[in-house]
Amino acid sequence: MFEKKSRATVLALGALLMLSACGSRHMRDAAEPVAMTRPAENKATLVIMRPSMAEAAIQSSVFDITTGQSEFIGIVSAGRKLAYEAPAGKRRLMVIGESADFLDADFTAGHTYFARVSPRLGTWKSRFALEPVPASSPNLKDDLRTTAWVENTPASHDWARTHMRSVDAKKAKYLPGWQAGSERKPFIAPESGRKTGL
């Protein structure tokens, strides 16, 4: 009986790792995005970085859930970063791993903001947190230097559509508790960014 349970556990973990690896293959390497120097009108640029190599086998997918719908931003692997052109104003972001975690922001048009995906040990696979990184942070330069740009592909959007039911189930499970929690919520304040291009 124990041997059967152990084998089932190994198979389940293997399936999770394969799913995560599939997600990473859907992104592609990219040059620095245009949004880093010339964001669209009434947009801000959010750079989402994952400098830590911890739990590198597991991918983290990021969504904008401001409207109530889960709008796919991208898949962030260890050692990678991506740029998201976000509408100015208040936004709510979500990162998915074994669970879901959230980050609120208030963006000023024409400014660049930064957030870090930080892995946490989970039960079956990694959990992730989204952390605001002020433009004045002494660690920001190293985080940017040690991560490489990636961008979405048609395949990454297909991956997101295929897994949207699971994504929305995790949002429904974890968002109420996050909203009701008494601890201080992570927040990207308007003044924590910098003028784009600087």
N, C-alpha and C. Protein backbone atom coordinates (compact mmCIF):
# COMPACT_ATOMS: atom_id res chain seq x y z
N MET A 1 0.83 -1.20 0.00
CA MET A 1 0.00 0.00 0.00
C MET A 1 0.87 1.26 0.00
N PHE A 2 1.90 1.27 0.89
CA PHE A 2 2.77 2.43 0.96
C PHE A 2 3.49 2.66 -0.36
N GLU A 3 3.93 1.55 -0.99
CA GLU A 3 4.65 1.65 -2.26
C GLU A 3 3.75 2.25 -3.34
N LYS A 4 2.47 1.87 -3.35
CA LYS A 4 1.53 2.42 -4.32
C LYS A 4 1.33 3.91 -4.10
N LYS A 5 1.19 4.32 -2.85
CA LYS A 5 1.01 5.75 -2.53
C LYS A 5 2.25 6.55 -2.93
N SER A 6 3.44 5.98 -2.65
CA SER A 6 4.67 6.67 -3.00
C SER A 6 4.78 6.84 -4.50
N ARG A 7 4.42 5.79 -5.24
CA ARG A 7 4.49 5.87 -6.69
C ARG A 7 3.51 6.93 -7.22
N ALA A 8 2.31 6.97 -6.63
CA ALA A 8 1.31 7.96 -7.05
C ALA A 8 1.81 9.37 -6.78
N THR A 9 2.48 9.53 -5.63
CA THR A 9 3.03 10.85 -5.30
C THR A 9 4.08 11.27 -6.31
N VAL A 10 4.99 10.36 -6.65
CA VAL A 10 6.05 10.66 -7.62
C VAL A 10 5.45 11.02 -8.97
N LEU A 11 4.44 10.26 -9.39
CA LEU A 11 3.79 10.54 -10.68
C LEU A 11 3.11 11.90 -10.67
N ALA A 12 2.45 12.23 -9.56
CA ALA A 12 1.79 13.54 -9.47
C ALA A 12 2.79 14.67 -9.53
N LEU A 13 3.90 14.52 -8.82
CA LEU A 13 4.93 15.55 -8.85
C LEU A 13 5.54 15.67 -10.24
N GLY A 14 5.74 14.54 -10.89
CA GLY A 14 6.28 14.56 -12.25
C GLY A 14 5.36 15.29 -13.20
N ALA A 15 4.05 15.06 -13.06
CA ALA A 15 3.08 15.74 -13.93
C ALA A 15 3.11 17.25 -13.71
N LEU A 16 3.24 17.66 -12.44
CA LEU A 16 3.31 19.09 -12.15
C LEU A 16 4.55 19.71 -12.75
N LEU A 17 5.67 19.01 -12.66
CA LEU A 17 6.91 19.54 -13.23
C LEU A 17 6.82 19.64 -14.74
N MET A 18 6.20 18.63 -15.37
CA MET A 18 6.05 18.68 -16.83
C MET A 18 5.16 19.83 -17.23
N LEU A 19 4.08 20.07 -16.49
CA LEU A 19 3.18 21.18 -16.78
C LEU A 19 3.91 22.51 -16.66
N SER A 20 4.74 22.63 -15.62
CA SER A 20 5.48 23.87 -15.43
C SER A 20 6.50 24.08 -16.54
N ALA A 21 7.18 23.01 -16.93
CA ALA A 21 8.17 23.13 -18.00
C ALA A 21 7.51 23.52 -19.30
N CYS A 22 6.31 22.99 -19.55
CA CYS A 22 5.58 23.37 -20.76
C CYS A 22 5.32 24.86 -20.78
N GLY A 23 4.97 25.41 -19.63
CA GLY A 23 4.70 26.83 -19.57
C GLY A 23 5.92 27.65 -19.95
N SER A 24 7.12 27.23 -19.50
CA SER A 24 8.33 28.00 -19.77
C SER A 24 8.67 27.99 -21.25
N ARG A 25 8.38 26.91 -21.94
CA ARG A 25 8.72 26.81 -23.36
C ARG A 25 7.88 27.74 -24.21
N HIS A 26 6.78 28.23 -23.71
CA HIS A 26 5.89 29.05 -24.51
C HIS A 26 6.33 30.51 -24.59
N MET A 27 7.22 30.94 -23.70
CA MET A 27 7.76 32.29 -23.76
C MET A 27 9.02 32.27 -24.64
N ARG A 28 9.42 33.43 -25.13
CA ARG A 28 10.65 33.49 -25.92
C ARG A 28 11.53 34.64 -25.43
N ASP A 29 12.83 34.49 -25.64
CA ASP A 29 13.77 35.54 -25.29
C ASP A 29 13.48 36.78 -26.13
N ALA A 30 13.77 37.94 -25.55
CA ALA A 30 13.42 39.19 -26.24
C ALA A 30 14.45 40.27 -25.92
N ALA A 31 14.50 41.28 -26.79
CA ALA A 31 15.29 42.47 -26.51
C ALA A 31 14.51 43.34 -25.52
N GLU A 32 15.14 44.39 -25.03
CA GLU A 32 14.43 45.28 -24.11
C GLU A 32 13.17 45.82 -24.78
N PRO A 33 12.01 45.70 -24.15
CA PRO A 33 10.75 46.11 -24.78
C PRO A 33 10.67 47.62 -25.01
N VAL A 34 9.95 47.99 -26.04
CA VAL A 34 9.72 49.40 -26.35
C VAL A 34 9.06 50.11 -25.17
N ALA A 35 8.24 49.38 -24.42
CA ALA A 35 7.54 49.96 -23.27
C ALA A 35 8.49 50.52 -22.22
N MET A 36 9.77 50.11 -22.25
CA MET A 36 10.74 50.62 -21.28
C MET A 36 11.17 52.05 -21.62
N THR A 37 10.97 52.47 -22.86
CA THR A 37 11.36 53.83 -23.25
C THR A 37 10.20 54.67 -23.75
N ARG A 38 9.20 54.01 -24.37
CA ARG A 38 8.07 54.75 -24.95
C ARG A 38 6.77 53.99 -24.70
N PRO A 39 6.22 54.09 -23.48
CA PRO A 39 4.94 53.41 -23.23
C PRO A 39 3.82 54.06 -24.03
N ALA A 40 2.79 53.30 -24.29
CA ALA A 40 1.62 53.84 -25.00
C ALA A 40 0.96 54.93 -24.16
N GLU A 41 0.17 55.75 -24.82
CA GLU A 41 -0.51 56.86 -24.13
C GLU A 41 -1.40 56.33 -23.01
N ASN A 42 -1.36 57.00 -21.87
CA ASN A 42 -2.15 56.64 -20.69
C ASN A 42 -1.82 55.26 -20.14
N LYS A 43 -0.59 54.81 -20.40
CA LYS A 43 -0.15 53.52 -19.88
C LYS A 43 1.09 53.70 -19.00
N ALA A 44 1.27 52.77 -18.09
CA ALA A 44 2.49 52.66 -17.30
C ALA A 44 3.14 51.34 -17.65
N THR A 45 4.42 51.21 -17.37
CA THR A 45 5.14 49.96 -17.60
C THR A 45 5.44 49.30 -16.26
N LEU A 46 5.06 48.04 -16.13
CA LEU A 46 5.38 47.26 -14.94
C LEU A 46 6.37 46.17 -15.35
N VAL A 47 7.54 46.17 -14.73
CA VAL A 47 8.54 45.13 -14.96
C VAL A 47 8.38 44.09 -13.86
N ILE A 48 8.10 42.85 -14.26
CA ILE A 48 7.93 41.74 -13.32
C ILE A 48 9.15 40.85 -13.44
N MET A 49 9.93 40.75 -12.36
CA MET A 49 11.21 40.06 -12.37
C MET A 49 11.17 38.85 -11.44
N ARG A 50 11.98 37.84 -11.80
CA ARG A 50 12.15 36.70 -10.91
C ARG A 50 13.64 36.38 -10.81
N PRO A 51 14.39 37.17 -10.04
CA PRO A 51 15.84 36.96 -9.98
C PRO A 51 16.27 35.71 -9.22
N SER A 52 15.45 35.26 -8.28
CA SER A 52 15.82 34.08 -7.48
C SER A 52 15.79 32.82 -8.34
N MET A 53 16.81 31.98 -8.16
CA MET A 53 16.86 30.69 -8.86
C MET A 53 16.26 29.57 -8.02
N ALA A 54 15.75 29.89 -6.84
CA ALA A 54 15.09 28.89 -6.00
C ALA A 54 13.83 28.37 -6.70
N GLU A 55 13.58 27.07 -6.54
CA GLU A 55 12.41 26.43 -7.15
C GLU A 55 12.37 26.70 -8.66
N ALA A 56 13.53 26.63 -9.30
CA ALA A 56 13.64 27.01 -10.71
C ALA A 56 12.84 26.11 -11.65
N ALA A 57 12.52 24.89 -11.23
CA ALA A 57 11.78 23.98 -12.10
C ALA A 57 10.32 24.37 -12.25
N ILE A 58 9.83 25.23 -11.36
CA ILE A 58 8.42 25.59 -11.37
C ILE A 58 8.25 27.00 -11.92
N GLN A 59 7.30 27.15 -12.83
CA GLN A 59 7.03 28.44 -13.46
C GLN A 59 5.95 29.20 -12.70
N SER A 60 5.98 30.52 -12.83
CA SER A 60 4.95 31.36 -12.20
C SER A 60 4.24 32.14 -13.31
N SER A 61 2.93 32.05 -13.33
CA SER A 61 2.16 32.80 -14.32
C SER A 61 1.49 33.99 -13.63
N VAL A 62 1.44 35.12 -14.36
CA VAL A 62 0.98 36.38 -13.76
C VAL A 62 -0.21 36.90 -14.55
N PHE A 63 -1.20 37.46 -13.83
CA PHE A 63 -2.44 37.92 -14.43
C PHE A 63 -2.83 39.28 -13.85
N ASP A 64 -3.55 40.05 -14.65
CA ASP A 64 -4.19 41.29 -14.18
C ASP A 64 -5.66 40.94 -13.96
N ILE A 65 -6.13 41.08 -12.71
CA ILE A 65 -7.51 40.68 -12.39
C ILE A 65 -8.35 41.89 -11.99
N THR A 66 -7.93 43.08 -12.40
CA THR A 66 -8.61 44.31 -11.99
C THR A 66 -10.08 44.31 -12.35
N THR A 67 -10.42 43.83 -13.53
CA THR A 67 -11.80 43.87 -14.02
C THR A 67 -12.66 42.73 -13.48
N GLY A 68 -12.03 41.79 -12.78
CA GLY A 68 -12.75 40.59 -12.35
C GLY A 68 -12.44 39.42 -13.25
N GLN A 69 -11.99 39.70 -14.47
CA GLN A 69 -11.53 38.66 -15.38
C GLN A 69 -10.03 38.47 -15.18
N SER A 70 -9.55 37.26 -15.42
CA SER A 70 -8.12 36.98 -15.31
C SER A 70 -7.47 37.23 -16.66
N GLU A 71 -6.80 38.36 -16.79
CA GLU A 71 -6.15 38.74 -18.04
C GLU A 71 -4.68 38.35 -17.97
N PHE A 72 -4.27 37.49 -18.87
CA PHE A 72 -2.93 36.91 -18.85
C PHE A 72 -1.87 37.97 -19.15
N ILE A 73 -0.84 38.03 -18.29
CA ILE A 73 0.30 38.92 -18.51
C ILE A 73 1.48 38.13 -19.08
N GLY A 74 1.80 37.00 -18.47
CA GLY A 74 2.91 36.19 -18.97
C GLY A 74 3.35 35.16 -17.97
N ILE A 75 4.34 34.35 -18.37
CA ILE A 75 4.92 33.31 -17.53
C ILE A 75 6.34 33.74 -17.19
N VAL A 76 6.65 33.80 -15.91
CA VAL A 76 7.95 34.29 -15.47
C VAL A 76 8.77 33.13 -14.89
N SER A 77 9.81 32.75 -15.60
CA SER A 77 10.72 31.71 -15.14
C SER A 77 11.80 32.31 -14.25
N ALA A 78 12.50 31.45 -13.52
CA ALA A 78 13.65 31.91 -12.73
C ALA A 78 14.67 32.55 -13.66
N GLY A 79 15.17 33.71 -13.25
CA GLY A 79 16.17 34.40 -14.04
C GLY A 79 15.62 35.18 -15.22
N ARG A 80 14.31 35.41 -15.24
CA ARG A 80 13.67 36.11 -16.36
C ARG A 80 12.88 37.31 -15.87
N LYS A 81 12.54 38.19 -16.80
CA LYS A 81 11.69 39.34 -16.50
C LYS A 81 10.88 39.67 -17.74
N LEU A 82 9.73 40.31 -17.52
CA LEU A 82 8.90 40.76 -18.64
C LEU A 82 8.33 42.12 -18.32
N ALA A 83 7.91 42.83 -19.36
CA ALA A 83 7.33 44.16 -19.21
C ALA A 83 5.85 44.09 -19.56
N TYR A 84 5.04 44.70 -18.72
CA TYR A 84 3.59 44.74 -18.92
C TYR A 84 3.16 46.19 -19.03
N GLU A 85 2.56 46.54 -20.15
CA GLU A 85 2.00 47.88 -20.32
C GLU A 85 0.62 47.88 -19.68
N ALA A 86 0.51 48.53 -18.54
CA ALA A 86 -0.72 48.52 -17.77
C ALA A 86 -1.45 49.85 -17.89
N PRO A 87 -2.77 49.84 -17.94
CA PRO A 87 -3.50 51.10 -17.90
C PRO A 87 -3.18 51.86 -16.62
N ALA A 88 -3.07 53.17 -16.72
CA ALA A 88 -2.81 53.98 -15.54
C ALA A 88 -3.97 53.85 -14.55
N GLY A 89 -3.68 54.04 -13.27
CA GLY A 89 -4.71 53.95 -12.24
C GLY A 89 -4.54 52.71 -11.40
N LYS A 90 -5.58 52.36 -10.68
CA LYS A 90 -5.53 51.25 -9.73
C LYS A 90 -5.69 49.91 -10.45
N ARG A 91 -4.79 48.98 -10.11
CA ARG A 91 -4.81 47.65 -10.70
C ARG A 91 -4.65 46.62 -9.59
N ARG A 92 -5.08 45.39 -9.89
CA ARG A 92 -4.82 44.26 -8.99
C ARG A 92 -4.21 43.13 -9.83
N LEU A 93 -3.08 42.63 -9.35
CA LEU A 93 -2.33 41.60 -10.06
C LEU A 93 -2.35 40.31 -9.26
N MET A 94 -2.14 39.19 -9.96
CA MET A 94 -2.17 37.88 -9.31
C MET A 94 -1.05 37.02 -9.89
N VAL A 95 -0.37 36.28 -9.02
CA VAL A 95 0.62 35.30 -9.45
C VAL A 95 0.13 33.92 -9.03
N ILE A 96 0.33 32.95 -9.93
CA ILE A 96 -0.17 31.59 -9.71
C ILE A 96 0.99 30.61 -9.62
N GLY A 97 0.93 29.76 -8.61
CA GLY A 97 1.81 28.61 -8.47
C GLY A 97 0.95 27.50 -7.92
N GLU A 98 1.34 26.93 -6.78
CA GLU A 98 0.46 25.98 -6.10
C GLU A 98 -0.78 26.70 -5.59
N SER A 99 -0.60 27.97 -5.23
CA SER A 99 -1.69 28.79 -4.74
C SER A 99 -1.75 30.06 -5.57
N ALA A 100 -2.49 31.05 -5.11
CA ALA A 100 -2.53 32.35 -5.76
C ALA A 100 -2.16 33.42 -4.74
N ASP A 101 -1.43 34.43 -5.18
CA ASP A 101 -1.12 35.56 -4.33
C ASP A 101 -1.39 36.84 -5.12
N PHE A 102 -1.51 37.97 -4.43
CA PHE A 102 -2.04 39.18 -5.07
C PHE A 102 -1.22 40.41 -4.70
N LEU A 103 -1.32 41.42 -5.54
CA LEU A 103 -0.61 42.67 -5.34
C LEU A 103 -1.44 43.80 -5.93
N ASP A 104 -1.71 44.82 -5.13
CA ASP A 104 -2.43 46.00 -5.63
C ASP A 104 -1.43 47.07 -6.05
N ALA A 105 -1.86 47.91 -6.99
CA ALA A 105 -0.98 48.96 -7.50
C ALA A 105 -1.82 50.16 -7.90
N ASP A 106 -1.16 51.30 -7.95
CA ASP A 106 -1.77 52.53 -8.47
C ASP A 106 -0.73 53.18 -9.37
N PHE A 107 -0.90 53.02 -10.68
CA PHE A 107 0.11 53.43 -11.65
C PHE A 107 -0.15 54.83 -12.19
N THR A 108 0.94 55.57 -12.38
CA THR A 108 0.89 56.87 -13.05
C THR A 108 1.34 56.69 -14.49
N ALA A 109 0.59 57.22 -15.44
CA ALA A 109 0.95 57.10 -16.85
C ALA A 109 2.35 57.65 -17.10
N GLY A 110 3.09 56.97 -17.98
CA GLY A 110 4.42 57.43 -18.33
C GLY A 110 5.49 57.07 -17.33
N HIS A 111 5.16 56.22 -16.35
CA HIS A 111 6.12 55.81 -15.34
C HIS A 111 6.35 54.30 -15.42
N THR A 112 7.51 53.89 -14.91
CA THR A 112 7.87 52.48 -14.86
C THR A 112 7.90 52.02 -13.41
N TYR A 113 7.33 50.86 -13.16
CA TYR A 113 7.26 50.27 -11.82
C TYR A 113 7.87 48.87 -11.86
N PHE A 114 8.17 48.35 -10.68
CA PHE A 114 8.86 47.07 -10.60
C PHE A 114 8.22 46.18 -9.53
N ALA A 115 8.14 44.89 -9.84
CA ALA A 115 7.64 43.89 -8.89
C ALA A 115 8.50 42.64 -9.02
N ARG A 116 8.67 41.96 -7.89
CA ARG A 116 9.48 40.75 -7.86
C ARG A 116 8.60 39.54 -7.55
N VAL A 117 8.78 38.48 -8.34
CA VAL A 117 8.15 37.20 -8.04
C VAL A 117 9.09 36.44 -7.11
N SER A 118 8.62 36.13 -5.91
CA SER A 118 9.45 35.44 -4.91
C SER A 118 8.88 34.06 -4.62
N PRO A 119 9.68 33.01 -4.82
CA PRO A 119 9.19 31.65 -4.56
C PRO A 119 9.10 31.34 -3.07
N ARG A 120 8.11 30.54 -2.73
CA ARG A 120 7.92 30.03 -1.38
C ARG A 120 7.71 28.52 -1.46
N LEU A 121 8.18 27.80 -0.48
CA LEU A 121 8.00 26.35 -0.47
C LEU A 121 6.53 26.01 -0.24
N GLY A 122 5.97 25.18 -1.13
CA GLY A 122 4.58 24.75 -0.99
C GLY A 122 4.51 23.29 -0.61
N THR A 123 3.32 22.71 -0.68
CA THR A 123 3.13 21.30 -0.32
C THR A 123 3.53 20.38 -1.46
N TRP A 124 3.02 20.68 -2.66
CA TRP A 124 3.29 19.85 -3.83
C TRP A 124 4.21 20.54 -4.83
N LYS A 125 4.12 21.84 -4.91
CA LYS A 125 4.97 22.62 -5.79
C LYS A 125 5.14 24.00 -5.17
N SER A 126 5.86 24.87 -5.84
CA SER A 126 6.17 26.17 -5.26
C SER A 126 4.95 27.07 -5.19
N ARG A 127 4.92 27.89 -4.15
CA ARG A 127 4.02 29.03 -4.07
C ARG A 127 4.83 30.27 -4.41
N PHE A 128 4.15 31.32 -4.82
CA PHE A 128 4.85 32.55 -5.18
C PHE A 128 4.16 33.75 -4.56
N ALA A 129 4.95 34.77 -4.28
CA ALA A 129 4.42 36.04 -3.82
C ALA A 129 4.86 37.12 -4.80
N LEU A 130 4.03 38.14 -4.97
CA LEU A 130 4.39 39.32 -5.75
C LEU A 130 4.75 40.43 -4.78
N GLU A 131 5.97 40.95 -4.90
CA GLU A 131 6.45 41.96 -3.98
C GLU A 131 6.76 43.26 -4.73
N PRO A 132 6.30 44.39 -4.24
CA PRO A 132 6.67 45.67 -4.87
C PRO A 132 8.15 45.96 -4.65
N VAL A 133 8.78 46.51 -5.67
CA VAL A 133 10.18 46.91 -5.56
C VAL A 133 10.26 48.39 -5.94
N PRO A 134 10.46 49.28 -4.99
CA PRO A 134 10.55 50.71 -5.33
C PRO A 134 11.72 50.98 -6.28
N ALA A 135 11.56 51.98 -7.13
CA ALA A 135 12.63 52.34 -8.05
C ALA A 135 13.88 52.77 -7.30
N SER A 136 13.73 53.17 -6.06
CA SER A 136 14.87 53.60 -5.23
C SER A 136 15.56 52.44 -4.53
N SER A 137 15.06 51.21 -4.68
CA SER A 137 15.63 50.06 -3.97
C SER A 137 17.08 49.82 -4.37
N PRO A 138 17.97 49.61 -3.40
CA PRO A 138 19.38 49.36 -3.73
C PRO A 138 19.59 48.03 -4.45
N ASN A 139 18.62 47.11 -4.35
CA ASN A 139 18.75 45.80 -5.00
C ASN A 139 18.21 45.78 -6.42
N LEU A 140 17.53 46.83 -6.84
CA LEU A 140 16.87 46.82 -8.15
C LEU A 140 17.87 46.65 -9.29
N LYS A 141 18.97 47.34 -9.23
CA LYS A 141 19.95 47.27 -10.32
C LYS A 141 20.43 45.84 -10.52
N ASP A 142 20.73 45.13 -9.43
CA ASP A 142 21.18 43.75 -9.54
C ASP A 142 20.07 42.84 -10.04
N ASP A 143 18.84 43.06 -9.57
CA ASP A 143 17.71 42.25 -10.05
C ASP A 143 17.54 42.38 -11.55
N LEU A 144 17.66 43.60 -12.06
CA LEU A 144 17.51 43.83 -13.50
C LEU A 144 18.69 43.25 -14.28
N ARG A 145 19.88 43.37 -13.71
CA ARG A 145 21.08 42.88 -14.40
C ARG A 145 21.10 41.36 -14.51
N THR A 146 20.58 40.68 -13.50
CA THR A 146 20.67 39.22 -13.46
C THR A 146 19.45 38.52 -14.05
N THR A 147 18.54 39.26 -14.65
CA THR A 147 17.38 38.66 -15.30
C THR A 147 17.37 39.04 -16.78
N ALA A 148 16.85 38.14 -17.60
CA ALA A 148 16.80 38.35 -19.05
C ALA A 148 15.36 38.57 -19.49
N TRP A 149 15.19 39.41 -20.51
CA TRP A 149 13.86 39.72 -21.01
C TRP A 149 13.23 38.53 -21.74
N VAL A 150 11.94 38.33 -21.50
CA VAL A 150 11.15 37.39 -22.29
C VAL A 150 9.86 38.08 -22.71
N GLU A 151 9.20 37.50 -23.70
CA GLU A 151 7.92 38.03 -24.16
C GLU A 151 6.99 36.89 -24.51
N ASN A 152 5.71 37.20 -24.61
CA ASN A 152 4.70 36.20 -24.94
C ASN A 152 4.78 35.79 -26.40
N THR A 153 4.20 34.65 -26.67
CA THR A 153 4.05 34.12 -28.02
C THR A 153 2.61 33.66 -28.17
N PRO A 154 2.16 33.36 -29.38
CA PRO A 154 0.81 32.77 -29.51
C PRO A 154 0.67 31.51 -28.65
N ALA A 155 1.76 30.75 -28.52
CA ALA A 155 1.69 29.53 -27.71
C ALA A 155 1.49 29.82 -26.24
N SER A 156 2.08 30.92 -25.72
CA SER A 156 1.88 31.23 -24.31
C SER A 156 0.44 31.64 -24.04
N HIS A 157 -0.16 32.36 -24.98
CA HIS A 157 -1.57 32.73 -24.83
C HIS A 157 -2.47 31.50 -24.92
N ASP A 158 -2.11 30.56 -25.78
CA ASP A 158 -2.86 29.29 -25.85
C ASP A 158 -2.75 28.54 -24.53
N TRP A 159 -1.55 28.52 -23.96
CA TRP A 159 -1.34 27.85 -22.68
C TRP A 159 -2.24 28.47 -21.61
N ALA A 160 -2.31 29.79 -21.60
CA ALA A 160 -3.14 30.47 -20.60
C ALA A 160 -4.61 30.14 -20.79
N ARG A 161 -5.07 30.14 -22.01
CA ARG A 161 -6.49 29.80 -22.26
C ARG A 161 -6.79 28.37 -21.82
N THR A 162 -5.88 27.46 -22.10
CA THR A 162 -6.08 26.06 -21.74
C THR A 162 -6.18 25.86 -20.23
N HIS A 163 -5.45 26.68 -19.47
CA HIS A 163 -5.38 26.50 -18.01
C HIS A 163 -6.21 27.52 -17.25
N MET A 164 -7.04 28.29 -17.96
CA MET A 164 -7.78 29.36 -17.30
C MET A 164 -8.76 28.85 -16.24
N ARG A 165 -9.32 27.69 -16.42
CA ARG A 165 -10.24 27.16 -15.42
C ARG A 165 -9.52 26.93 -14.09
N SER A 166 -8.31 26.37 -14.16
CA SER A 166 -7.53 26.14 -12.95
C SER A 166 -7.10 27.47 -12.33
N VAL A 167 -6.71 28.43 -13.16
CA VAL A 167 -6.32 29.75 -12.68
C VAL A 167 -7.47 30.42 -11.93
N ASP A 168 -8.65 30.40 -12.53
CA ASP A 168 -9.80 31.05 -11.90
C ASP A 168 -10.24 30.33 -10.63
N ALA A 169 -10.04 29.00 -10.59
CA ALA A 169 -10.37 28.26 -9.38
C ALA A 169 -9.46 28.67 -8.22
N LYS A 170 -8.18 28.88 -8.52
CA LYS A 170 -7.26 29.32 -7.48
C LYS A 170 -7.56 30.75 -7.05
N LYS A 171 -7.92 31.59 -8.00
CA LYS A 171 -8.31 32.96 -7.64
C LYS A 171 -9.51 32.94 -6.70
N ALA A 172 -10.51 32.15 -7.04
CA ALA A 172 -11.71 32.07 -6.21
C ALA A 172 -11.41 31.52 -4.82
N LYS A 173 -10.45 30.63 -4.73
CA LYS A 173 -10.12 30.01 -3.45
C LYS A 173 -9.32 30.95 -2.55
N TYR A 174 -8.36 31.68 -3.11
CA TYR A 174 -7.41 32.42 -2.29
C TYR A 174 -7.69 33.92 -2.16
N LEU A 175 -8.41 34.51 -3.12
CA LEU A 175 -8.63 35.95 -3.06
C LEU A 175 -9.46 36.39 -1.84
N PRO A 176 -10.56 35.70 -1.49
CA PRO A 176 -11.34 36.15 -0.33
C PRO A 176 -10.51 36.21 0.96
N GLY A 177 -9.67 35.21 1.18
CA GLY A 177 -8.84 35.20 2.38
C GLY A 177 -7.82 36.32 2.36
N TRP A 178 -7.26 36.58 1.19
CA TRP A 178 -6.29 37.67 1.07
C TRP A 178 -6.96 39.02 1.34
N GLN A 179 -8.16 39.20 0.80
CA GLN A 179 -8.88 40.46 1.02
C GLN A 179 -9.27 40.65 2.48
N ALA A 180 -9.62 39.55 3.15
CA ALA A 180 -10.08 39.63 4.54
C ALA A 180 -8.93 39.67 5.54
N GLY A 181 -7.72 39.36 5.09
CA GLY A 181 -6.58 39.31 6.00
C GLY A 181 -6.31 40.64 6.66
N SER A 182 -5.84 40.59 7.89
CA SER A 182 -5.61 41.82 8.64
C SER A 182 -4.22 42.39 8.42
N GLU A 183 -3.31 41.57 7.85
CA GLU A 183 -1.95 42.07 7.64
C GLU A 183 -1.93 43.12 6.53
N ARG A 184 -0.89 43.93 6.53
CA ARG A 184 -0.75 44.98 5.53
C ARG A 184 -0.56 44.36 4.15
N LYS A 185 -1.35 44.80 3.21
CA LYS A 185 -1.29 44.24 1.86
C LYS A 185 -0.14 44.86 1.07
N PRO A 186 0.54 44.07 0.24
CA PRO A 186 1.58 44.65 -0.62
C PRO A 186 0.95 45.61 -1.62
N PHE A 187 1.64 46.72 -1.87
CA PHE A 187 1.06 47.78 -2.69
C PHE A 187 2.16 48.54 -3.43
N ILE A 188 1.94 48.76 -4.71
CA ILE A 188 2.84 49.61 -5.50
C ILE A 188 2.21 51.01 -5.52
N ALA A 189 2.84 51.94 -4.80
CA ALA A 189 2.32 53.30 -4.72
C ALA A 189 2.72 54.10 -5.96
N PRO A 190 1.93 55.09 -6.33
CA PRO A 190 2.23 55.89 -7.53
C PRO A 190 3.63 56.49 -7.51
N GLU A 191 4.07 56.92 -6.33
CA GLU A 191 5.36 57.59 -6.23
C GLU A 191 6.55 56.62 -6.18
N SER A 192 6.28 55.30 -6.17
CA SER A 192 7.38 54.33 -6.05
C SER A 192 8.02 53.98 -7.39
N GLY A 193 7.48 54.51 -8.48
CA GLY A 193 8.07 54.26 -9.79
C GLY A 193 9.02 55.36 -10.20
N ARG A 194 9.36 55.37 -11.47
CA ARG A 194 10.22 56.42 -12.01
C ARG A 194 9.72 56.76 -13.41
N LYS A 195 10.03 57.96 -13.83
CA LYS A 195 9.64 58.39 -15.16
C LYS A 195 10.24 57.44 -16.19
N THR A 196 9.43 56.92 -17.09
CA THR A 196 9.91 55.95 -18.07
C THR A 196 11.03 56.55 -18.92
N GLY A 197 12.08 55.74 -19.11
CA GLY A 197 13.23 56.18 -19.90
C GLY A 197 14.37 56.69 -19.05
N LEU A 198 14.15 56.87 -17.76
CA LEU A 198 15.22 57.36 -16.88
C LEU A 198 16.03 56.19 -16.32
